[in-house]
Amino acid sequence: MSKYKVAVVSLGYESYETERGILSPLGVELVLAARDCLTEQDVIEVAAGSDGILVREAPIGAKVLDTLERLKVVARYGVGVDNIDLKRAREKKIYVANVPGYGTEEVSDHAVALLLACVRRLLVRDRNLREGMFETDIRDRLFRTTGKVLGLIGYGQIGRAFHRKWKGFLPSRVLVFDPYARESIARERDLEVTDLDTLLSESDYISIHAPLTPETKHMIDERAFQKMKETAVLVNTSRGELVDEKALVKALQEQRILGAGIDVFEKEPIEKNHPLLALPNAVLTGHVGWYSKDAVRELQTRAAKEIARVFQGQTPECWVNRWGT
């Protein structure tokens, strides 16, 4: 008889042998949902009697945490934990762990790629060529990439990686807005710590690397777009709700900004008739910036190890909802 039970309530990986290899020696039975759990009731049914949960997007709210009496730990396949009720988990002394940094290189690569695709209008040029248009359209709003002002909203691991990679494009200035890391980055010589309004109004390229919180939701709204240069490009690879999509659509339709590279959306998957899909000055991908075979392997390994630590009487390495001991 198994000593522990762990439920995987969000699917999407080719195999779960990595998790089994880590957890089976501890006497863990790994249970896979037949399909992605979309509601708290789905989670409760799949995870009944579980000591641990491995989750991506499924909701882990108070109802789940109160119902699953054996639950000791929830490990999130990823960084953001906005789908988990951290306060209730803390009250119940249920550990919540995440996996920060697993996709730092992938997401920062993707953000750079989106920015370059917008600046060089690669998708439009590709389509034009396929339709028989070989010549350059001299009316196209193309500008040199080097010597521009880069604005970074958020300067955690991914923001820093983006900065490192963009240095080769010789930005004239690098502006950073990050109220959570202001003191730690103020000493760095090749950037300027500033307020959000200054960053929006003075940057040529703006890349968002901020967490989603009640304070940051829709931080890029219609007012923010009005402050941007007409030649500005916005990139978002963080969370869809950081940007007011209605305001983004309006800004692109009216050409208030040059373009936008977007990997995350307010509602995912994006609706088939979403107006963003019809805009030639938007480069869109479907929340894939984090992905590589290497990132998935690291993600599965580290999430399973967090579960294992708790079963071995330890605290998670990346313990999100800390309480006093």
C-alpha atoms as a PDB file:
ATOM      1  CA  MET A   1       0.000   0.000   0.000  1.00  0.00           C
ATOM      2  CA  SER A   2       1.318   3.442  -0.915  1.00  0.00           C
ATOM      3  CA  LYS A   3       2.377   5.751   1.892  1.00  0.00           C
ATOM      4  CA  TYR A   4       1.447   8.948   0.020  1.00  0.00           C
ATOM      5  CA  LYS A   5      -0.761   9.981  -2.868  1.00  0.00           C
ATOM      6  CA  VAL A   6       0.062  12.850  -5.240  1.00  0.00           C
ATOM      7  CA  ALA A   7      -2.419  14.075  -7.846  1.00  0.00           C
ATOM      8  CA  VAL A   8      -1.422  15.743 -11.112  1.00  0.00           C
ATOM      9  CA  VAL A   9      -4.445  17.962 -11.807  1.00  0.00           C
ATOM     10  CA  SER A  10      -3.069  19.836 -14.846  1.00  0.00           C
ATOM     11  CA  LEU A  11      -1.837  17.845 -17.825  1.00  0.00           C
ATOM     12  CA  GLY A  12       0.219  18.860 -20.842  1.00  0.00           C
ATOM     13  CA  TYR A  13       3.535  17.023 -20.671  1.00  0.00           C
ATOM     14  CA  GLU A  14       4.549  14.043 -22.805  1.00  0.00           C
ATOM     15  CA  SER A  15       5.383  11.863 -19.828  1.00  0.00           C
ATOM     16  CA  TYR A  16       5.339  11.909 -16.032  1.00  0.00           C
ATOM     17  CA  GLU A  17       8.116   9.370 -15.561  1.00  0.00           C
ATOM     18  CA  THR A  18      10.347  12.129 -14.177  1.00  0.00           C
ATOM     19  CA  GLU A  19       7.919  12.680 -11.289  1.00  0.00           C
ATOM     20  CA  ARG A  20       7.483   8.948 -10.749  1.00  0.00           C
ATOM     21  CA  GLY A  21      11.235   8.427 -10.631  1.00  0.00           C
ATOM     22  CA  ILE A  22      11.601  11.037  -7.884  1.00  0.00           C
ATOM     23  CA  LEU A  23       8.505  10.198  -5.824  1.00  0.00           C
ATOM     24  CA  SER A  24       8.089   6.415  -6.116  1.00  0.00           C
ATOM     25  CA  PRO A  25      11.071   5.619  -3.834  1.00  0.00           C
ATOM     26  CA  LEU A  26       9.225   7.523  -1.089  1.00  0.00           C
ATOM     27  CA  GLY A  27       6.170   5.292  -1.426  1.00  0.00           C
ATOM     28  CA  VAL A  28       4.154   7.745  -3.507  1.00  0.00           C
ATOM     29  CA  GLU A  29       1.262   6.777  -5.755  1.00  0.00           C
ATOM     30  CA  LEU A  30       1.104   9.279  -8.632  1.00  0.00           C
ATOM     31  CA  VAL A  31      -2.432   9.830  -9.946  1.00  0.00           C
ATOM     32  CA  LEU A  32      -3.012  11.609 -13.265  1.00  0.00           C
ATOM     33  CA  ALA A  33      -6.241  13.419 -14.064  1.00  0.00           C
ATOM     34  CA  ALA A  34      -8.016  12.080 -17.152  1.00  0.00           C
ATOM     35  CA  ARG A  35      -8.219  15.677 -18.411  1.00  0.00           C
ATOM     36  CA  ASP A  36      -7.249  19.136 -17.202  1.00  0.00           C
ATOM     37  CA  CYS A  37      -9.139  20.151 -14.078  1.00  0.00           C
ATOM     38  CA  LEU A  38     -10.993  23.375 -14.888  1.00  0.00           C
ATOM     39  CA  THR A  39     -12.916  23.879 -11.645  1.00  0.00           C
ATOM     40  CA  GLU A  40     -12.285  23.398  -7.941  1.00  0.00           C
ATOM     41  CA  GLN A  41     -14.762  20.518  -7.960  1.00  0.00           C
ATOM     42  CA  ASP A  42     -12.714  18.826 -10.707  1.00  0.00           C
ATOM     43  CA  VAL A  43      -9.620  19.132  -8.519  1.00  0.00           C
ATOM     44  CA  ILE A  44     -11.421  17.762  -5.457  1.00  0.00           C
ATOM     45  CA  GLU A  45     -12.627  14.697  -7.368  1.00  0.00           C
ATOM     46  CA  VAL A  46      -9.220  13.889  -8.864  1.00  0.00           C
ATOM     47  CA  ALA A  47      -7.200  14.675  -5.723  1.00  0.00           C
ATOM     48  CA  ALA A  48      -9.470  13.013  -3.149  1.00  0.00           C
ATOM     49  CA  GLY A  49      -7.278  11.542  -0.415  1.00  0.00           C
ATOM     50  CA  SER A  50      -4.119  13.180  -1.785  1.00  0.00           C
ATOM     51  CA  ASP A  51      -1.175  14.350   0.284  1.00  0.00           C
ATOM     52  CA  GLY A  52       0.237  16.467  -2.536  1.00  0.00           C
ATOM     53  CA  ILE A  53      -0.901  18.228  -5.707  1.00  0.00           C
ATOM     54  CA  LEU A  54       1.063  19.091  -8.834  1.00  0.00           C
ATOM     55  CA  VAL A  55      -0.690  21.897 -10.712  1.00  0.00           C
ATOM     56  CA  ARG A  56      -0.352  24.316 -13.609  1.00  0.00           C
ATOM     57  CA  GLU A  57      -3.493  26.421 -14.191  1.00  0.00           C
ATOM     58  CA  ALA A  58      -6.171  24.518 -12.245  1.00  0.00           C
ATOM     59  CA  PRO A  59      -7.803  26.529  -9.441  1.00  0.00           C
ATOM     60  CA  ILE A  60      -6.630  25.631  -5.934  1.00  0.00           C
ATOM     61  CA  GLY A  61      -8.970  27.770  -3.862  1.00  0.00           C
ATOM     62  CA  ALA A  62     -10.278  27.630  -0.304  1.00  0.00           C
ATOM     63  CA  LYS A  63     -12.835  24.964  -1.245  1.00  0.00           C
ATOM     64  CA  VAL A  64     -10.085  22.607  -2.407  1.00  0.00           C
ATOM     65  CA  LEU A  65      -7.830  23.327   0.561  1.00  0.00           C
ATOM     66  CA  ASP A  66     -10.649  22.858   3.081  1.00  0.00           C
ATOM     67  CA  THR A  67     -11.961  19.659   1.504  1.00  0.00           C
ATOM     68  CA  LEU A  68      -8.701  17.728   1.021  1.00  0.00           C
ATOM     69  CA  GLU A  69      -7.944  16.911   4.645  1.00  0.00           C
ATOM     70  CA  ARG A  70      -4.703  14.995   3.986  1.00  0.00           C
ATOM     71  CA  LEU A  71      -3.191  17.692   1.775  1.00  0.00           C
ATOM     72  CA  LYS A  72       0.290  18.781   2.854  1.00  0.00           C
ATOM     73  CA  VAL A  73       1.813  20.462  -0.196  1.00  0.00           C
ATOM     74  CA  VAL A  74       0.881  22.064  -3.524  1.00  0.00           C
ATOM     75  CA  ALA A  75       3.669  22.438  -6.095  1.00  0.00           C
ATOM     76  CA  ARG A  76       3.089  24.737  -9.051  1.00  0.00           C
ATOM     77  CA  TYR A  77       4.580  23.844 -12.425  1.00  0.00           C
ATOM     78  CA  GLY A  78       5.765  27.414 -12.999  1.00  0.00           C
ATOM     79  CA  VAL A  79       6.344  30.732 -11.285  1.00  0.00           C
ATOM     80  CA  GLY A  80       2.996  32.497 -10.846  1.00  0.00           C
ATOM     81  CA  VAL A  81       0.730  31.271  -8.053  1.00  0.00           C
ATOM     82  CA  ASP A  82      -2.304  33.505  -8.644  1.00  0.00           C
ATOM     83  CA  ASN A  83      -4.477  30.379  -9.118  1.00  0.00           C
ATOM     84  CA  ILE A  84      -3.759  29.254  -5.526  1.00  0.00           C
ATOM     85  CA  ASP A  85      -5.316  30.713  -2.372  1.00  0.00           C
ATOM     86  CA  LEU A  86      -2.069  31.403  -0.519  1.00  0.00           C
ATOM     87  CA  LYS A  87      -3.763  32.909   2.526  1.00  0.00           C
ATOM     88  CA  ARG A  88      -5.972  29.884   3.105  1.00  0.00           C
ATOM     89  CA  ALA A  89      -3.079  27.504   2.460  1.00  0.00           C
ATOM     90  CA  ARG A  90      -1.035  29.345   5.088  1.00  0.00           C
ATOM     91  CA  GLU A  91      -3.891  29.144   7.574  1.00  0.00           C
ATOM     92  CA  LYS A  92      -4.133  25.394   6.943  1.00  0.00           C
ATOM     93  CA  LYS A  93      -0.324  24.979   7.120  1.00  0.00           C
ATOM     94  CA  ILE A  94      -0.286  23.578   3.585  1.00  0.00           C
ATOM     95  CA  TYR A  95       2.998  24.309   1.819  1.00  0.00           C
ATOM     96  CA  VAL A  96       2.829  26.045  -1.560  1.00  0.00           C
ATOM     97  CA  ALA A  97       5.954  25.835  -3.712  1.00  0.00           C
ATOM     98  CA  ASN A  98       6.755  27.168  -7.159  1.00  0.00           C
ATOM     99  CA  VAL A  99       9.597  26.817  -9.667  1.00  0.00           C
ATOM    100  CA  PRO A 100      11.128  30.232 -10.349  1.00  0.00           C
ATOM    101  CA  GLY A 101      13.836  30.661 -12.934  1.00  0.00           C
ATOM    102  CA  TYR A 102      13.179  27.469 -14.907  1.00  0.00           C
ATOM    103  CA  GLY A 103      12.400  29.359 -18.128  1.00  0.00           C
ATOM    104  CA  THR A 104      14.525  32.465 -17.697  1.00  0.00           C
ATOM    105  CA  GLU A 105      16.545  31.930 -20.866  1.00  0.00           C
ATOM    106  CA  GLU A 106      13.549  30.800 -22.914  1.00  0.00           C
ATOM    107  CA  VAL A 107      11.247  33.687 -21.934  1.00  0.00           C
ATOM    108  CA  SER A 108      13.932  36.336 -22.363  1.00  0.00           C
ATOM    109  CA  ASP A 109      14.869  34.840 -25.752  1.00  0.00           C
ATOM    110  CA  HIS A 110      11.217  34.942 -26.762  1.00  0.00           C
ATOM    111  CA  ALA A 111      10.815  38.555 -25.658  1.00  0.00           C
ATOM    112  CA  VAL A 112      13.850  39.574 -27.708  1.00  0.00           C
ATOM    113  CA  ALA A 113      12.483  37.645 -30.703  1.00  0.00           C
ATOM    114  CA  LEU A 114       9.071  39.318 -30.426  1.00  0.00           C
ATOM    115  CA  LEU A 115      10.672  42.740 -30.210  1.00  0.00           C
ATOM    116  CA  LEU A 116      12.853  42.158 -33.263  1.00  0.00           C
ATOM    117  CA  ALA A 117       9.905  40.715 -35.201  1.00  0.00           C
ATOM    118  CA  CYS A 118       7.941  43.897 -34.479  1.00  0.00           C
ATOM    119  CA  VAL A 119      10.775  46.323 -35.175  1.00  0.00           C
ATOM    120  CA  ARG A 120      11.700  44.641 -38.474  1.00  0.00           C
ATOM    121  CA  ARG A 121       8.044  43.799 -39.289  1.00  0.00           C
ATOM    122  CA  LEU A 122       9.068  40.249 -40.097  1.00  0.00           C
ATOM    123  CA  LEU A 123       5.602  38.709 -40.290  1.00  0.00           C
ATOM    124  CA  VAL A 124       4.319  41.387 -42.666  1.00  0.00           C
ATOM    125  CA  ARG A 125       7.424  41.029 -44.833  1.00  0.00           C
ATOM    126  CA  ASP A 126       7.086  37.241 -44.861  1.00  0.00           C
ATOM    127  CA  ARG A 127       3.434  37.468 -45.918  1.00  0.00           C
ATOM    128  CA  ASN A 128       4.172  40.077 -48.580  1.00  0.00           C
ATOM    129  CA  LEU A 129       6.881  37.910 -50.102  1.00  0.00           C
ATOM    130  CA  ARG A 130       4.584  34.878 -50.217  1.00  0.00           C
ATOM    131  CA  GLU A 131       2.013  37.048 -52.000  1.00  0.00           C
ATOM    132  CA  GLY A 132       4.529  38.079 -54.656  1.00  0.00           C
ATOM    133  CA  MET A 133       5.730  41.427 -53.289  1.00  0.00           C
ATOM    134  CA  PHE A 134       9.542  41.367 -53.344  1.00  0.00           C
ATOM    135  CA  GLU A 135      10.418  45.048 -53.310  1.00  0.00           C
ATOM    136  CA  THR A 136      10.782  47.171 -50.184  1.00  0.00           C
ATOM    137  CA  ASP A 137       7.857  49.450 -49.398  1.00  0.00           C
ATOM    138  CA  ILE A 138       9.616  52.723 -48.562  1.00  0.00           C
ATOM    139  CA  ARG A 139       6.494  53.918 -46.757  1.00  0.00           C
ATOM    140  CA  ASP A 140       7.009  51.207 -44.153  1.00  0.00           C
ATOM    141  CA  ARG A 141       7.817  52.552 -40.692  1.00  0.00           C
ATOM    142  CA  LEU A 142      11.152  50.822 -40.153  1.00  0.00           C
ATOM    143  CA  PHE A 143      13.822  52.262 -37.892  1.00  0.00           C
ATOM    144  CA  ARG A 144      17.338  51.281 -36.915  1.00  0.00           C
ATOM    145  CA  THR A 145      17.441  49.059 -33.824  1.00  0.00           C
ATOM    146  CA  THR A 146      20.670  50.297 -32.279  1.00  0.00           C
ATOM    147  CA  GLY A 147      20.883  53.437 -30.194  1.00  0.00           C
ATOM    148  CA  LYS A 148      17.326  53.284 -28.908  1.00  0.00           C
ATOM    149  CA  VAL A 149      16.000  53.685 -25.353  1.00  0.00           C
ATOM    150  CA  LEU A 150      15.037  50.376 -23.744  1.00  0.00           C
ATOM    151  CA  GLY A 151      12.448  50.324 -20.958  1.00  0.00           C
ATOM    152  CA  LEU A 152      12.152  47.307 -18.663  1.00  0.00           C
ATOM    153  CA  ILE A 153       9.122  46.989 -16.404  1.00  0.00           C
ATOM    154  CA  GLY A 154      10.319  44.515 -13.789  1.00  0.00           C
ATOM    155  CA  TYR A 155      13.955  43.588 -13.215  1.00  0.00           C
ATOM    156  CA  GLY A 156      13.899  40.086 -11.814  1.00  0.00           C
ATOM    157  CA  GLN A 157      15.706  37.145 -13.384  1.00  0.00           C
ATOM    158  CA  ILE A 158      13.955  37.430 -16.751  1.00  0.00           C
ATOM    159  CA  GLY A 159      14.261  41.214 -16.939  1.00  0.00           C
ATOM    160  CA  ARG A 160      17.978  40.946 -16.186  1.00  0.00           C
ATOM    161  CA  ALA A 161      18.421  38.225 -18.820  1.00  0.00           C
ATOM    162  CA  PHE A 162      16.624  40.372 -21.410  1.00  0.00           C
ATOM    163  CA  HIS A 163      18.903  43.307 -20.538  1.00  0.00           C
ATOM    164  CA  ARG A 164      21.994  41.116 -20.900  1.00  0.00           C
ATOM    165  CA  LYS A 165      20.909  39.911 -24.327  1.00  0.00           C
ATOM    166  CA  TRP A 166      19.858  43.343 -25.585  1.00  0.00           C
ATOM    167  CA  LYS A 167      23.205  44.960 -24.757  1.00  0.00           C
ATOM    168  CA  GLY A 168      24.471  43.846 -28.157  1.00  0.00           C
ATOM    169  CA  PHE A 169      22.021  46.268 -29.764  1.00  0.00           C
ATOM    170  CA  LEU A 170      23.790  49.157 -28.013  1.00  0.00           C
ATOM    171  CA  PRO A 171      20.823  50.914 -26.396  1.00  0.00           C
ATOM    172  CA  SER A 172      21.436  54.589 -25.731  1.00  0.00           C
ATOM    173  CA  ARG A 173      19.781  54.254 -22.316  1.00  0.00           C
ATOM    174  CA  VAL A 174      18.169  51.496 -20.270  1.00  0.00           C
ATOM    175  CA  LEU A 175      15.298  52.606 -18.041  1.00  0.00           C
ATOM    176  CA  VAL A 176      14.010  50.293 -15.314  1.00  0.00           C
ATOM    177  CA  PHE A 177      10.829  50.495 -13.269  1.00  0.00           C
ATOM    178  CA  ASP A 178      10.651  47.950 -10.455  1.00  0.00           C
ATOM    179  CA  PRO A 179       9.426  49.145  -7.053  1.00  0.00           C
ATOM    180  CA  TYR A 180      10.229  45.741  -5.539  1.00  0.00           C
ATOM    181  CA  ALA A 181      13.910  45.832  -6.481  1.00  0.00           C
ATOM    182  CA  ARG A 182      14.651  49.557  -6.501  1.00  0.00           C
ATOM    183  CA  GLU A 183      17.452  49.522  -3.933  1.00  0.00           C
ATOM    184  CA  SER A 184      19.169  46.394  -5.273  1.00  0.00           C
ATOM    185  CA  ILE A 185      19.447  47.751  -8.834  1.00  0.00           C
ATOM    186  CA  ALA A 186      20.192  51.393  -8.048  1.00  0.00           C
ATOM    187  CA  ARG A 187      23.931  50.649  -7.895  1.00  0.00           C
ATOM    188  CA  GLU A 188      24.117  49.161 -11.402  1.00  0.00           C
ATOM    189  CA  ARG A 189      25.886  51.546 -13.753  1.00  0.00           C
ATOM    190  CA  ASP A 190      24.375  50.686 -17.121  1.00  0.00           C
ATOM    191  CA  LEU A 191      20.747  51.438 -16.279  1.00  0.00           C
ATOM    192  CA  GLU A 192      18.569  54.177 -14.818  1.00  0.00           C
ATOM    193  CA  VAL A 193      15.973  53.435 -12.159  1.00  0.00           C
ATOM    194  CA  THR A 194      12.927  55.574 -12.837  1.00  0.00           C
ATOM    195  CA  ASP A 195       9.167  55.882 -12.367  1.00  0.00           C
ATOM    196  CA  LEU A 196       6.656  54.250 -14.693  1.00  0.00           C
ATOM    197  CA  ASP A 197       5.476  57.457 -16.380  1.00  0.00           C
ATOM    198  CA  THR A 198       9.030  58.450 -17.319  1.00  0.00           C
ATOM    199  CA  LEU A 199       9.752  54.988 -18.678  1.00  0.00           C
ATOM    200  CA  LEU A 200       6.582  55.007 -20.779  1.00  0.00           C
ATOM    201  CA  SER A 201       7.186  58.440 -22.272  1.00  0.00           C
ATOM    202  CA  GLU A 202      10.915  58.115 -22.999  1.00  0.00           C
ATOM    203  CA  SER A 203      11.350  54.477 -24.098  1.00  0.00           C
ATOM    204  CA  ASP A 204      11.455  53.296 -27.697  1.00  0.00           C
ATOM    205  CA  TYR A 205      11.080  49.650 -26.685  1.00  0.00           C
ATOM    206  CA  ILE A 206       9.183  48.504 -23.587  1.00  0.00           C
ATOM    207  CA  SER A 207       9.367  44.921 -22.324  1.00  0.00           C
ATOM    208  CA  ILE A 208       7.230  43.782 -19.391  1.00  0.00           C
ATOM    209  CA  HIS A 209       8.688  41.328 -16.855  1.00  0.00           C
ATOM    210  CA  ALA A 210       6.473  42.003 -13.837  1.00  0.00           C
ATOM    211  CA  PRO A 211       4.307  39.718 -11.681  1.00  0.00           C
ATOM    212  CA  LEU A 212       0.530  39.945 -11.716  1.00  0.00           C
ATOM    213  CA  THR A 213      -0.769  41.460  -8.478  1.00  0.00           C
ATOM    214  CA  PRO A 214      -3.825  43.582  -7.654  1.00  0.00           C
ATOM    215  CA  GLU A 215      -1.525  46.610  -8.009  1.00  0.00           C
ATOM    216  CA  THR A 216      -0.105  45.635 -11.409  1.00  0.00           C
ATOM    217  CA  LYS A 217      -3.314  44.503 -13.130  1.00  0.00           C
ATOM    218  CA  HIS A 218      -3.884  46.736 -16.187  1.00  0.00           C
ATOM    219  CA  MET A 219      -0.790  48.774 -15.338  1.00  0.00           C
ATOM    220  CA  ILE A 220      -0.580  49.347 -19.099  1.00  0.00           C
ATOM    221  CA  ASP A 221      -3.935  50.985 -19.802  1.00  0.00           C
ATOM    222  CA  GLU A 222      -5.224  53.660 -22.176  1.00  0.00           C
ATOM    223  CA  ARG A 223      -3.497  56.377 -20.158  1.00  0.00           C
ATOM    224  CA  ALA A 224      -0.201  54.496 -20.441  1.00  0.00           C
ATOM    225  CA  PHE A 225      -0.508  54.168 -24.215  1.00  0.00           C
ATOM    226  CA  GLN A 226      -1.170  57.888 -24.495  1.00  0.00           C
ATOM    227  CA  LYS A 227       2.200  58.531 -22.855  1.00  0.00           C
ATOM    228  CA  MET A 228       4.162  56.312 -25.266  1.00  0.00           C
ATOM    229  CA  LYS A 229       5.985  57.444 -28.377  1.00  0.00           C
ATOM    230  CA  GLU A 230       4.295  56.797 -31.725  1.00  0.00           C
ATOM    231  CA  THR A 231       7.340  54.703 -32.611  1.00  0.00           C
ATOM    232  CA  ALA A 232       7.242  52.645 -29.403  1.00  0.00           C
ATOM    233  CA  VAL A 233       7.031  48.856 -29.377  1.00  0.00           C
ATOM    234  CA  LEU A 234       5.509  47.004 -26.415  1.00  0.00           C
ATOM    235  CA  VAL A 235       6.380  43.395 -25.543  1.00  0.00           C
ATOM    236  CA  ASN A 236       4.572  41.302 -22.931  1.00  0.00           C
ATOM    237  CA  THR A 237       5.737  37.795 -22.038  1.00  0.00           C
ATOM    238  CA  SER A 238       4.678  37.942 -18.372  1.00  0.00           C
ATOM    239  CA  ARG A 239       0.939  37.910 -17.645  1.00  0.00           C
ATOM    240  CA  GLY A 240      -1.896  38.935 -19.952  1.00  0.00           C
ATOM    241  CA  GLU A 241      -3.766  40.956 -17.356  1.00  0.00           C
ATOM    242  CA  LEU A 242      -0.880  43.379 -16.945  1.00  0.00           C
ATOM    243  CA  VAL A 243      -2.097  44.997 -20.182  1.00  0.00           C
ATOM    244  CA  ASP A 244      -5.615  46.272 -20.812  1.00  0.00           C
ATOM    245  CA  GLU A 245      -6.273  44.489 -24.114  1.00  0.00           C
ATOM    246  CA  LYS A 246      -9.035  46.848 -25.203  1.00  0.00           C
ATOM    247  CA  ALA A 247      -6.640  49.763 -24.787  1.00  0.00           C
ATOM    248  CA  LEU A 248      -3.918  47.815 -26.620  1.00  0.00           C
ATOM    249  CA  VAL A 249      -6.207  47.098 -29.568  1.00  0.00           C
ATOM    250  CA  LYS A 250      -7.221  50.753 -29.754  1.00  0.00           C
ATOM    251  CA  ALA A 251      -3.597  51.937 -29.612  1.00  0.00           C
ATOM    252  CA  LEU A 252      -2.597  49.574 -32.431  1.00  0.00           C
ATOM    253  CA  GLN A 253      -5.631  50.337 -34.576  1.00  0.00           C
ATOM    254  CA  GLU A 254      -5.023  54.077 -34.281  1.00  0.00           C
ATOM    255  CA  GLN A 255      -1.237  53.589 -34.693  1.00  0.00           C
ATOM    256  CA  ARG A 256      -0.521  55.380 -31.433  1.00  0.00           C
ATOM    257  CA  ILE A 257       2.396  52.957 -31.113  1.00  0.00           C
ATOM    258  CA  LEU A 258       4.429  51.174 -33.763  1.00  0.00           C
ATOM    259  CA  GLY A 259       3.649  47.632 -32.687  1.00  0.00           C
ATOM    260  CA  ALA A 260       3.289  45.025 -29.967  1.00  0.00           C
ATOM    261  CA  GLY A 261       4.682  41.543 -29.398  1.00  0.00           C
ATOM    262  CA  ILE A 262       2.351  39.574 -27.140  1.00  0.00           C
ATOM    263  CA  ASP A 263       2.718  36.027 -25.796  1.00  0.00           C
ATOM    264  CA  VAL A 264       0.144  36.229 -22.973  1.00  0.00           C
ATOM    265  CA  PHE A 265      -3.488  37.288 -22.965  1.00  0.00           C
ATOM    266  CA  GLU A 266      -6.179  38.306 -20.503  1.00  0.00           C
ATOM    267  CA  LYS A 267      -8.194  35.226 -21.421  1.00  0.00           C
ATOM    268  CA  GLU A 268      -6.380  32.110 -22.609  1.00  0.00           C
ATOM    269  CA  PRO A 269      -6.650  30.618 -25.098  1.00  0.00           C
ATOM    270  CA  ILE A 270      -7.330  33.797 -27.042  1.00  0.00           C
ATOM    271  CA  GLU A 271     -10.762  33.871 -28.690  1.00  0.00           C
ATOM    272  CA  LYS A 272     -10.802  33.101 -32.416  1.00  0.00           C
ATOM    273  CA  ASN A 273     -12.459  36.420 -33.270  1.00  0.00           C
ATOM    274  CA  HIS A 274     -10.289  38.565 -30.992  1.00  0.00           C
ATOM    275  CA  PRO A 275      -9.517  41.895 -32.722  1.00  0.00           C
ATOM    276  CA  LEU A 276      -5.788  41.520 -32.006  1.00  0.00           C
ATOM    277  CA  LEU A 277      -5.661  38.673 -34.515  1.00  0.00           C
ATOM    278  CA  ALA A 278      -6.593  41.028 -37.354  1.00  0.00           C
ATOM    279  CA  LEU A 279      -3.904  43.630 -36.660  1.00  0.00           C
ATOM    280  CA  PRO A 280      -0.775  43.581 -38.861  1.00  0.00           C
ATOM    281  CA  ASN A 281       1.249  45.542 -36.285  1.00  0.00           C
ATOM    282  CA  ALA A 282       0.811  42.851 -33.621  1.00  0.00           C
ATOM    283  CA  VAL A 283       3.046  39.771 -33.411  1.00  0.00           C
ATOM    284  CA  LEU A 284       1.253  37.122 -31.358  1.00  0.00           C
ATOM    285  CA  THR A 285       2.207  33.751 -29.878  1.00  0.00           C
ATOM    286  CA  GLY A 286       0.176  31.508 -27.597  1.00  0.00           C
ATOM    287  CA  HIS A 287       1.896  31.580 -24.190  1.00  0.00           C
ATOM    288  CA  VAL A 288       4.827  29.532 -25.493  1.00  0.00           C
ATOM    289  CA  GLY A 289       7.688  31.783 -24.427  1.00  0.00           C
ATOM    290  CA  TRP A 290       8.593  29.519 -21.525  1.00  0.00           C
ATOM    291  CA  TYR A 291       8.868  26.345 -23.597  1.00  0.00           C
ATOM    292  CA  SER A 292      11.841  24.224 -24.508  1.00  0.00           C
ATOM    293  CA  LYS A 293      12.520  20.528 -23.904  1.00  0.00           C
ATOM    294  CA  ASP A 294      15.156  21.555 -21.377  1.00  0.00           C
ATOM    295  CA  ALA A 295      12.797  23.874 -19.507  1.00  0.00           C
ATOM    296  CA  VAL A 296      10.109  21.182 -19.237  1.00  0.00           C
ATOM    297  CA  ARG A 297      12.601  18.666 -17.858  1.00  0.00           C
ATOM    298  CA  GLU A 298      13.794  21.156 -15.251  1.00  0.00           C
ATOM    299  CA  LEU A 299      10.238  22.178 -14.384  1.00  0.00           C
ATOM    300  CA  GLN A 300       9.007  18.638 -13.780  1.00  0.00           C
ATOM    301  CA  THR A 301      12.105  17.691 -11.807  1.00  0.00           C
ATOM    302  CA  ARG A 302      12.069  20.675  -9.483  1.00  0.00           C
ATOM    303  CA  ALA A 303       8.308  20.548  -8.843  1.00  0.00           C
ATOM    304  CA  ALA A 304       8.470  16.859  -7.909  1.00  0.00           C
ATOM    305  CA  LYS A 305      11.470  17.462  -5.644  1.00  0.00           C
ATOM    306  CA  GLU A 306       9.510  20.107  -3.729  1.00  0.00           C
ATOM    307  CA  ILE A 307       6.829  17.499  -2.990  1.00  0.00           C
ATOM    308  CA  ALA A 308       9.524  15.037  -1.951  1.00  0.00           C
ATOM    309  CA  ARG A 309      11.111  17.518   0.459  1.00  0.00           C
ATOM    310  CA  VAL A 310       7.860  17.947   2.359  1.00  0.00           C
ATOM    311  CA  PHE A 311       7.292  14.186   2.588  1.00  0.00           C
ATOM    312  CA  GLN A 312      10.833  13.884   3.993  1.00  0.00           C
ATOM    313  CA  GLY A 313      10.078  16.373   6.756  1.00  0.00           C
ATOM    314  CA  GLN A 314      11.779  19.357   5.117  1.00  0.00           C
ATOM    315  CA  THR A 315      10.427  22.689   3.907  1.00  0.00           C
ATOM    316  CA  PRO A 316      10.246  23.460   0.176  1.00  0.00           C
ATOM    317  CA  GLU A 317      13.255  25.142  -1.386  1.00  0.00           C
ATOM    318  CA  CYS A 318      10.962  27.673  -3.084  1.00  0.00           C
ATOM    319  CA  TRP A 319       8.348  28.074  -0.356  1.00  0.00           C
ATOM    320  CA  VAL A 320       5.871  30.765  -1.384  1.00  0.00           C
ATOM    321  CA  ASN A 321       3.409  31.065   1.523  1.00  0.00           C
ATOM    322  CA  ARG A 322       5.846  31.146   4.431  1.00  0.00           C
ATOM    323  CA  TRP A 323       4.642  31.154   7.992  1.00  0.00           C
ATOM    324  CA  GLY A 324       6.467  31.439  11.303  1.00  0.00           C
ATOM    325  CA  THR A 325       8.104  28.310  12.670  1.00  0.00           C
END
